[in-house]
Structure formats: C-alpha cells, structure tokens
C-alpha cells in the first residue's frame, strides 16, 4: 500500500515537473526548479558521506522518480542539487574509468555528425557517460586541432606576453594560443 501512495504522489508531482536534459544523464522526471512551500535553502558545501548514503537510499525508495520527495530528506538541499548529485556523481551506471578506443571513435563520429556542442545528445549514444565527460574528452584529447607537439619558442613567448597582459585569466590567454590546452 505504501508503494502505491509513493507512486501516486510521484505521479502528481510529475505533472508539474520539467523533463530532464538527457535521459542518459539521470532518471526522469526532472525536478521543478522551485520548492512549492517554505524557503529555498541551498547548502553551498560539499556533500558528506552521510548525505550521499541518504541520497542513495531515497533514490532507491522512490525509484529515482520523485525528486521532490527525495529532496525532503535534505533540509538544506534542493531537488536540483539532489538530482545533479545523483546524475553526475552517485549513479552506479556512470562510467568513471578510462575511455575505450570504441568510445573515442563514437565521439569522433558523433561530433562530425552533430558538431562540438550537442554533448547531451552525443552522450545518449555512450551508455554510462554524461555530456560533460564527452565534452572534456573531445576538447582535451580527441579534437584534431589540439597541438600535442612540443611548444615552440614563439609560442612560449606568446604565452609569457599573454600572462603579462591578462594575469591568471587563463581563458583569455587560451584565445591567444589556439590549439593549446
């Protein structure tokens, strides 16, 4: 009987929830972005091991379907924070290990098809990977415009001059040295 009540409550919440950005990046439906009662409280610190365990248990209890109910286990966390912690860190279906040559080939083919910006779409074709992982793999390892050879004297001088001008604003410095990461 309790499972029926949980499911009914989740179905009611589902009507007002938005859809997840990518079905491969977590379970759906996604939470609404505001609480319906009480103040919005956001914890700014990292998650504790106890919170992680509580989240695992809540996701199991509600079968990953009712983020509003799941978030009720956390007085200082929002639905979105709970969803993101699950999607990006705790979900046991996530692959966090090394990339296979097959995954690299698939990313390369999908970037050729969709371009280097549709990372959630690309991740759907790579079970266990999320868009952020695919983006970082492409930009840091697979992108053929990345220069992997030794830095030239001219590049080193450009780097030093850019650092003198921009300080530690590395995103600005990177614009001066395309292809270097």
Protein backbone atom coordinates (compact mmCIF):
# COMPACT_ATOMS: atom_id res chain seq x y z
CA UNK A 1 0.00 0.00 0.00
CA UNK A 2 2.86 2.41 0.82
CA UNK A 3 4.37 1.84 -2.63
CA UNK A 4 1.05 2.79 -4.23
CA UNK A 5 0.94 6.03 -2.19
CA UNK A 6 4.54 6.84 -3.16
CA UNK A 7 3.80 6.17 -6.82
CA UNK A 8 0.61 8.27 -6.73
CA UNK A 9 2.45 11.16 -5.06
CA UNK A 10 5.19 10.97 -7.67
CA UNK A 11 2.66 10.89 -10.49
CA UNK A 12 1.05 14.06 -9.14
CA UNK A 13 4.44 15.77 -8.91
CA UNK A 14 5.40 14.55 -12.37
CA UNK A 15 2.67 16.67 -13.95
CA UNK A 16 4.40 19.88 -12.86
CA UNK A 17 7.98 18.72 -13.34
CA UNK A 18 10.08 19.59 -16.34
CA UNK A 19 11.80 16.92 -18.37
CA UNK A 20 15.42 16.01 -17.81
CA UNK A 21 18.05 17.47 -20.15
CA UNK A 22 19.10 14.00 -21.21
CA UNK A 23 17.67 10.64 -20.33
CA UNK A 24 21.19 9.22 -20.28
CA UNK A 25 22.28 11.66 -17.62
CA UNK A 26 19.90 10.53 -14.92
CA UNK A 27 16.48 9.31 -14.14
CA UNK A 28 13.39 11.27 -15.02
CA UNK A 29 11.32 13.21 -14.46
CA UNK A 30 13.49 16.14 -13.53
CA UNK A 31 12.53 18.19 -10.53
CA UNK A 32 10.85 21.53 -10.77
CA UNK A 33 13.31 24.32 -10.11
CA UNK A 34 11.50 25.72 -7.08
CA UNK A 35 10.12 24.36 -3.89
CA UNK A 36 6.38 24.71 -3.54
CA UNK A 37 6.49 25.54 0.15
CA UNK A 38 8.95 27.07 2.57
CA UNK A 39 12.10 28.98 1.81
CA UNK A 40 14.53 27.85 -0.84
CA UNK A 41 17.53 26.61 1.08
CA UNK A 42 20.76 25.78 -0.62
CA UNK A 43 23.73 24.18 1.04
CA UNK A 44 26.91 25.51 -0.50
CA UNK A 45 29.36 23.00 0.88
CA UNK A 46 30.27 19.61 -0.47
CA UNK A 47 28.21 16.55 0.18
CA UNK A 48 29.04 14.45 3.23
CA UNK A 49 29.29 10.65 3.09
CA UNK A 50 26.13 10.53 5.23
CA UNK A 51 24.24 12.72 2.74
CA UNK A 52 25.42 10.51 -0.12
CA UNK A 53 24.13 7.43 1.67
CA UNK A 54 20.82 9.15 2.45
CA UNK A 55 20.51 10.13 -1.22
CA UNK A 56 21.22 6.56 -2.39
CA UNK A 57 18.54 5.25 -0.03
CA UNK A 58 16.00 7.90 -1.08
CA UNK A 59 16.62 7.25 -4.79
CA UNK A 60 16.13 3.54 -4.15
CA UNK A 61 12.97 4.15 -2.11
CA UNK A 62 11.36 6.39 -4.74
CA UNK A 63 12.94 4.53 -7.66
CA UNK A 64 14.57 7.74 -8.89
CA UNK A 65 11.22 9.13 -9.98
CA UNK A 66 10.17 11.64 -7.37
CA UNK A 67 12.85 14.25 -6.79
CA UNK A 68 10.60 16.44 -4.69
CA UNK A 69 10.10 13.58 -2.23
CA UNK A 70 13.77 12.63 -2.42
CA UNK A 71 14.79 16.22 -1.58
CA UNK A 72 12.57 16.18 1.50
CA UNK A 73 15.25 14.00 3.11
CA UNK A 74 17.59 17.01 2.98
CA UNK A 75 16.64 20.17 4.87
CA UNK A 76 19.40 22.19 3.16
CA UNK A 77 19.38 20.75 -0.37
CA UNK A 78 17.09 21.50 -3.30
CA UNK A 79 15.59 18.99 -5.71
CA UNK A 80 18.02 20.14 -8.39
CA UNK A 81 21.02 19.67 -6.10
CA UNK A 82 19.87 16.14 -5.29
CA UNK A 83 19.24 15.31 -8.95
CA UNK A 84 22.63 16.66 -10.05
CA UNK A 85 24.48 14.81 -7.27
CA UNK A 86 22.82 11.60 -8.41
CA UNK A 87 23.26 12.17 -12.14
CA UNK A 88 26.86 13.33 -12.06
CA UNK A 89 28.40 11.52 -9.09
CA UNK A 90 26.47 8.72 -7.39
CA UNK A 91 24.54 6.93 -10.14
CA UNK A 92 26.15 3.47 -10.27
CA UNK A 93 25.53 3.31 -14.03
CA UNK A 94 28.08 6.10 -14.59
CA UNK A 95 31.39 5.08 -16.09
CA UNK A 96 34.25 6.96 -14.49
CA UNK A 97 37.13 4.88 -15.76
CA UNK A 98 39.32 5.10 -18.84
CA UNK A 99 37.86 5.63 -22.27
CA UNK A 100 37.88 2.77 -24.75
CA UNK A 101 39.00 3.18 -28.36
CA UNK A 102 35.41 2.35 -29.38
CA UNK A 103 34.06 5.21 -27.26
CA UNK A 104 36.65 7.58 -28.76
CA UNK A 105 35.65 6.52 -32.27
CA UNK A 106 31.98 7.02 -31.45
CA UNK A 107 32.56 10.53 -30.05
CA UNK A 108 34.59 11.47 -33.13
CA UNK A 109 31.84 10.24 -35.45
CA UNK A 110 29.08 11.94 -33.44
CA UNK A 111 30.95 15.25 -33.31
CA UNK A 112 31.30 15.04 -37.10
CA UNK A 113 27.54 14.46 -37.32
CA UNK A 114 26.22 16.92 -34.68
CA UNK A 115 29.11 19.34 -34.14
CA UNK A 116 31.08 20.03 -30.94
CA UNK A 117 28.21 21.40 -28.88
CA UNK A 118 25.41 18.81 -28.58
CA UNK A 119 27.03 16.93 -25.71
CA UNK A 120 23.87 15.58 -24.06
CA UNK A 121 22.74 14.22 -27.42
CA UNK A 122 26.17 12.67 -28.03
CA UNK A 123 26.19 11.14 -24.52
CA UNK A 124 22.94 9.28 -25.26
CA UNK A 125 24.92 7.08 -27.64
CA UNK A 126 27.53 6.31 -24.98
CA UNK A 127 25.86 4.38 -22.13
CA UNK A 128 27.26 5.35 -18.75
CA UNK A 129 28.81 8.60 -19.96
CA UNK A 130 27.40 12.09 -19.44
CA UNK A 131 27.64 15.11 -21.68
CA UNK A 132 30.34 16.77 -19.59
CA UNK A 133 32.59 13.71 -19.89
CA UNK A 134 32.12 13.62 -23.66
CA UNK A 135 32.84 17.34 -23.99
CA UNK A 136 36.02 17.10 -21.92
CA UNK A 137 37.21 14.02 -23.79
CA UNK A 138 36.75 15.80 -27.11
CA UNK A 139 38.27 19.14 -26.15
CA UNK A 140 41.18 17.71 -24.16
CA UNK A 141 42.13 14.60 -26.17
CA UNK A 142 40.28 13.91 -29.41
CA UNK A 143 39.90 17.27 -31.15
CA UNK A 144 42.29 17.13 -34.12
CA UNK A 145 43.07 20.85 -33.81
CA UNK A 146 44.83 20.28 -30.47
CA UNK A 147 48.58 20.68 -30.85
CA UNK A 148 50.35 17.89 -28.96
CA UNK A 149 53.91 18.50 -30.06
CA UNK A 150 56.49 20.46 -28.04
CA UNK A 151 55.92 24.18 -27.59
CA UNK A 152 57.90 26.40 -29.94
CA UNK A 153 59.95 29.33 -28.66
CA UNK A 154 57.47 31.69 -30.33
CA UNK A 155 54.54 30.03 -28.51
CA UNK A 156 56.34 30.28 -25.18
CA UNK A 157 57.00 33.98 -25.78
CA UNK A 158 53.33 34.49 -26.72
CA UNK A 159 52.31 32.70 -23.52
CA UNK A 160 54.54 34.87 -21.34
CA UNK A 161 53.29 38.05 -23.01
CA UNK A 162 49.66 36.96 -22.68
CA UNK A 163 50.24 36.20 -19.00
CA UNK A 164 51.81 39.63 -18.50
CA UNK A 165 48.76 41.26 -20.13
CA UNK A 166 45.97 39.06 -18.70
CA UNK A 167 47.46 37.81 -15.44
CA UNK A 168 45.96 34.47 -14.41
CA UNK A 169 42.90 34.81 -16.66
CA UNK A 170 43.65 31.58 -18.49
CA UNK A 171 40.56 31.58 -20.69
CA UNK A 172 41.76 34.87 -22.17
CA UNK A 173 45.29 33.55 -22.55
CA UNK A 174 43.99 30.44 -24.33
CA UNK A 175 42.46 32.64 -27.03
CA UNK A 176 45.95 33.86 -27.94
CA UNK A 177 47.23 30.29 -28.37
CA UNK A 178 44.60 28.33 -30.34
CA UNK A 179 45.05 24.58 -30.24
CA UNK A 180 46.98 24.57 -26.95
CA UNK A 181 45.41 23.33 -23.75
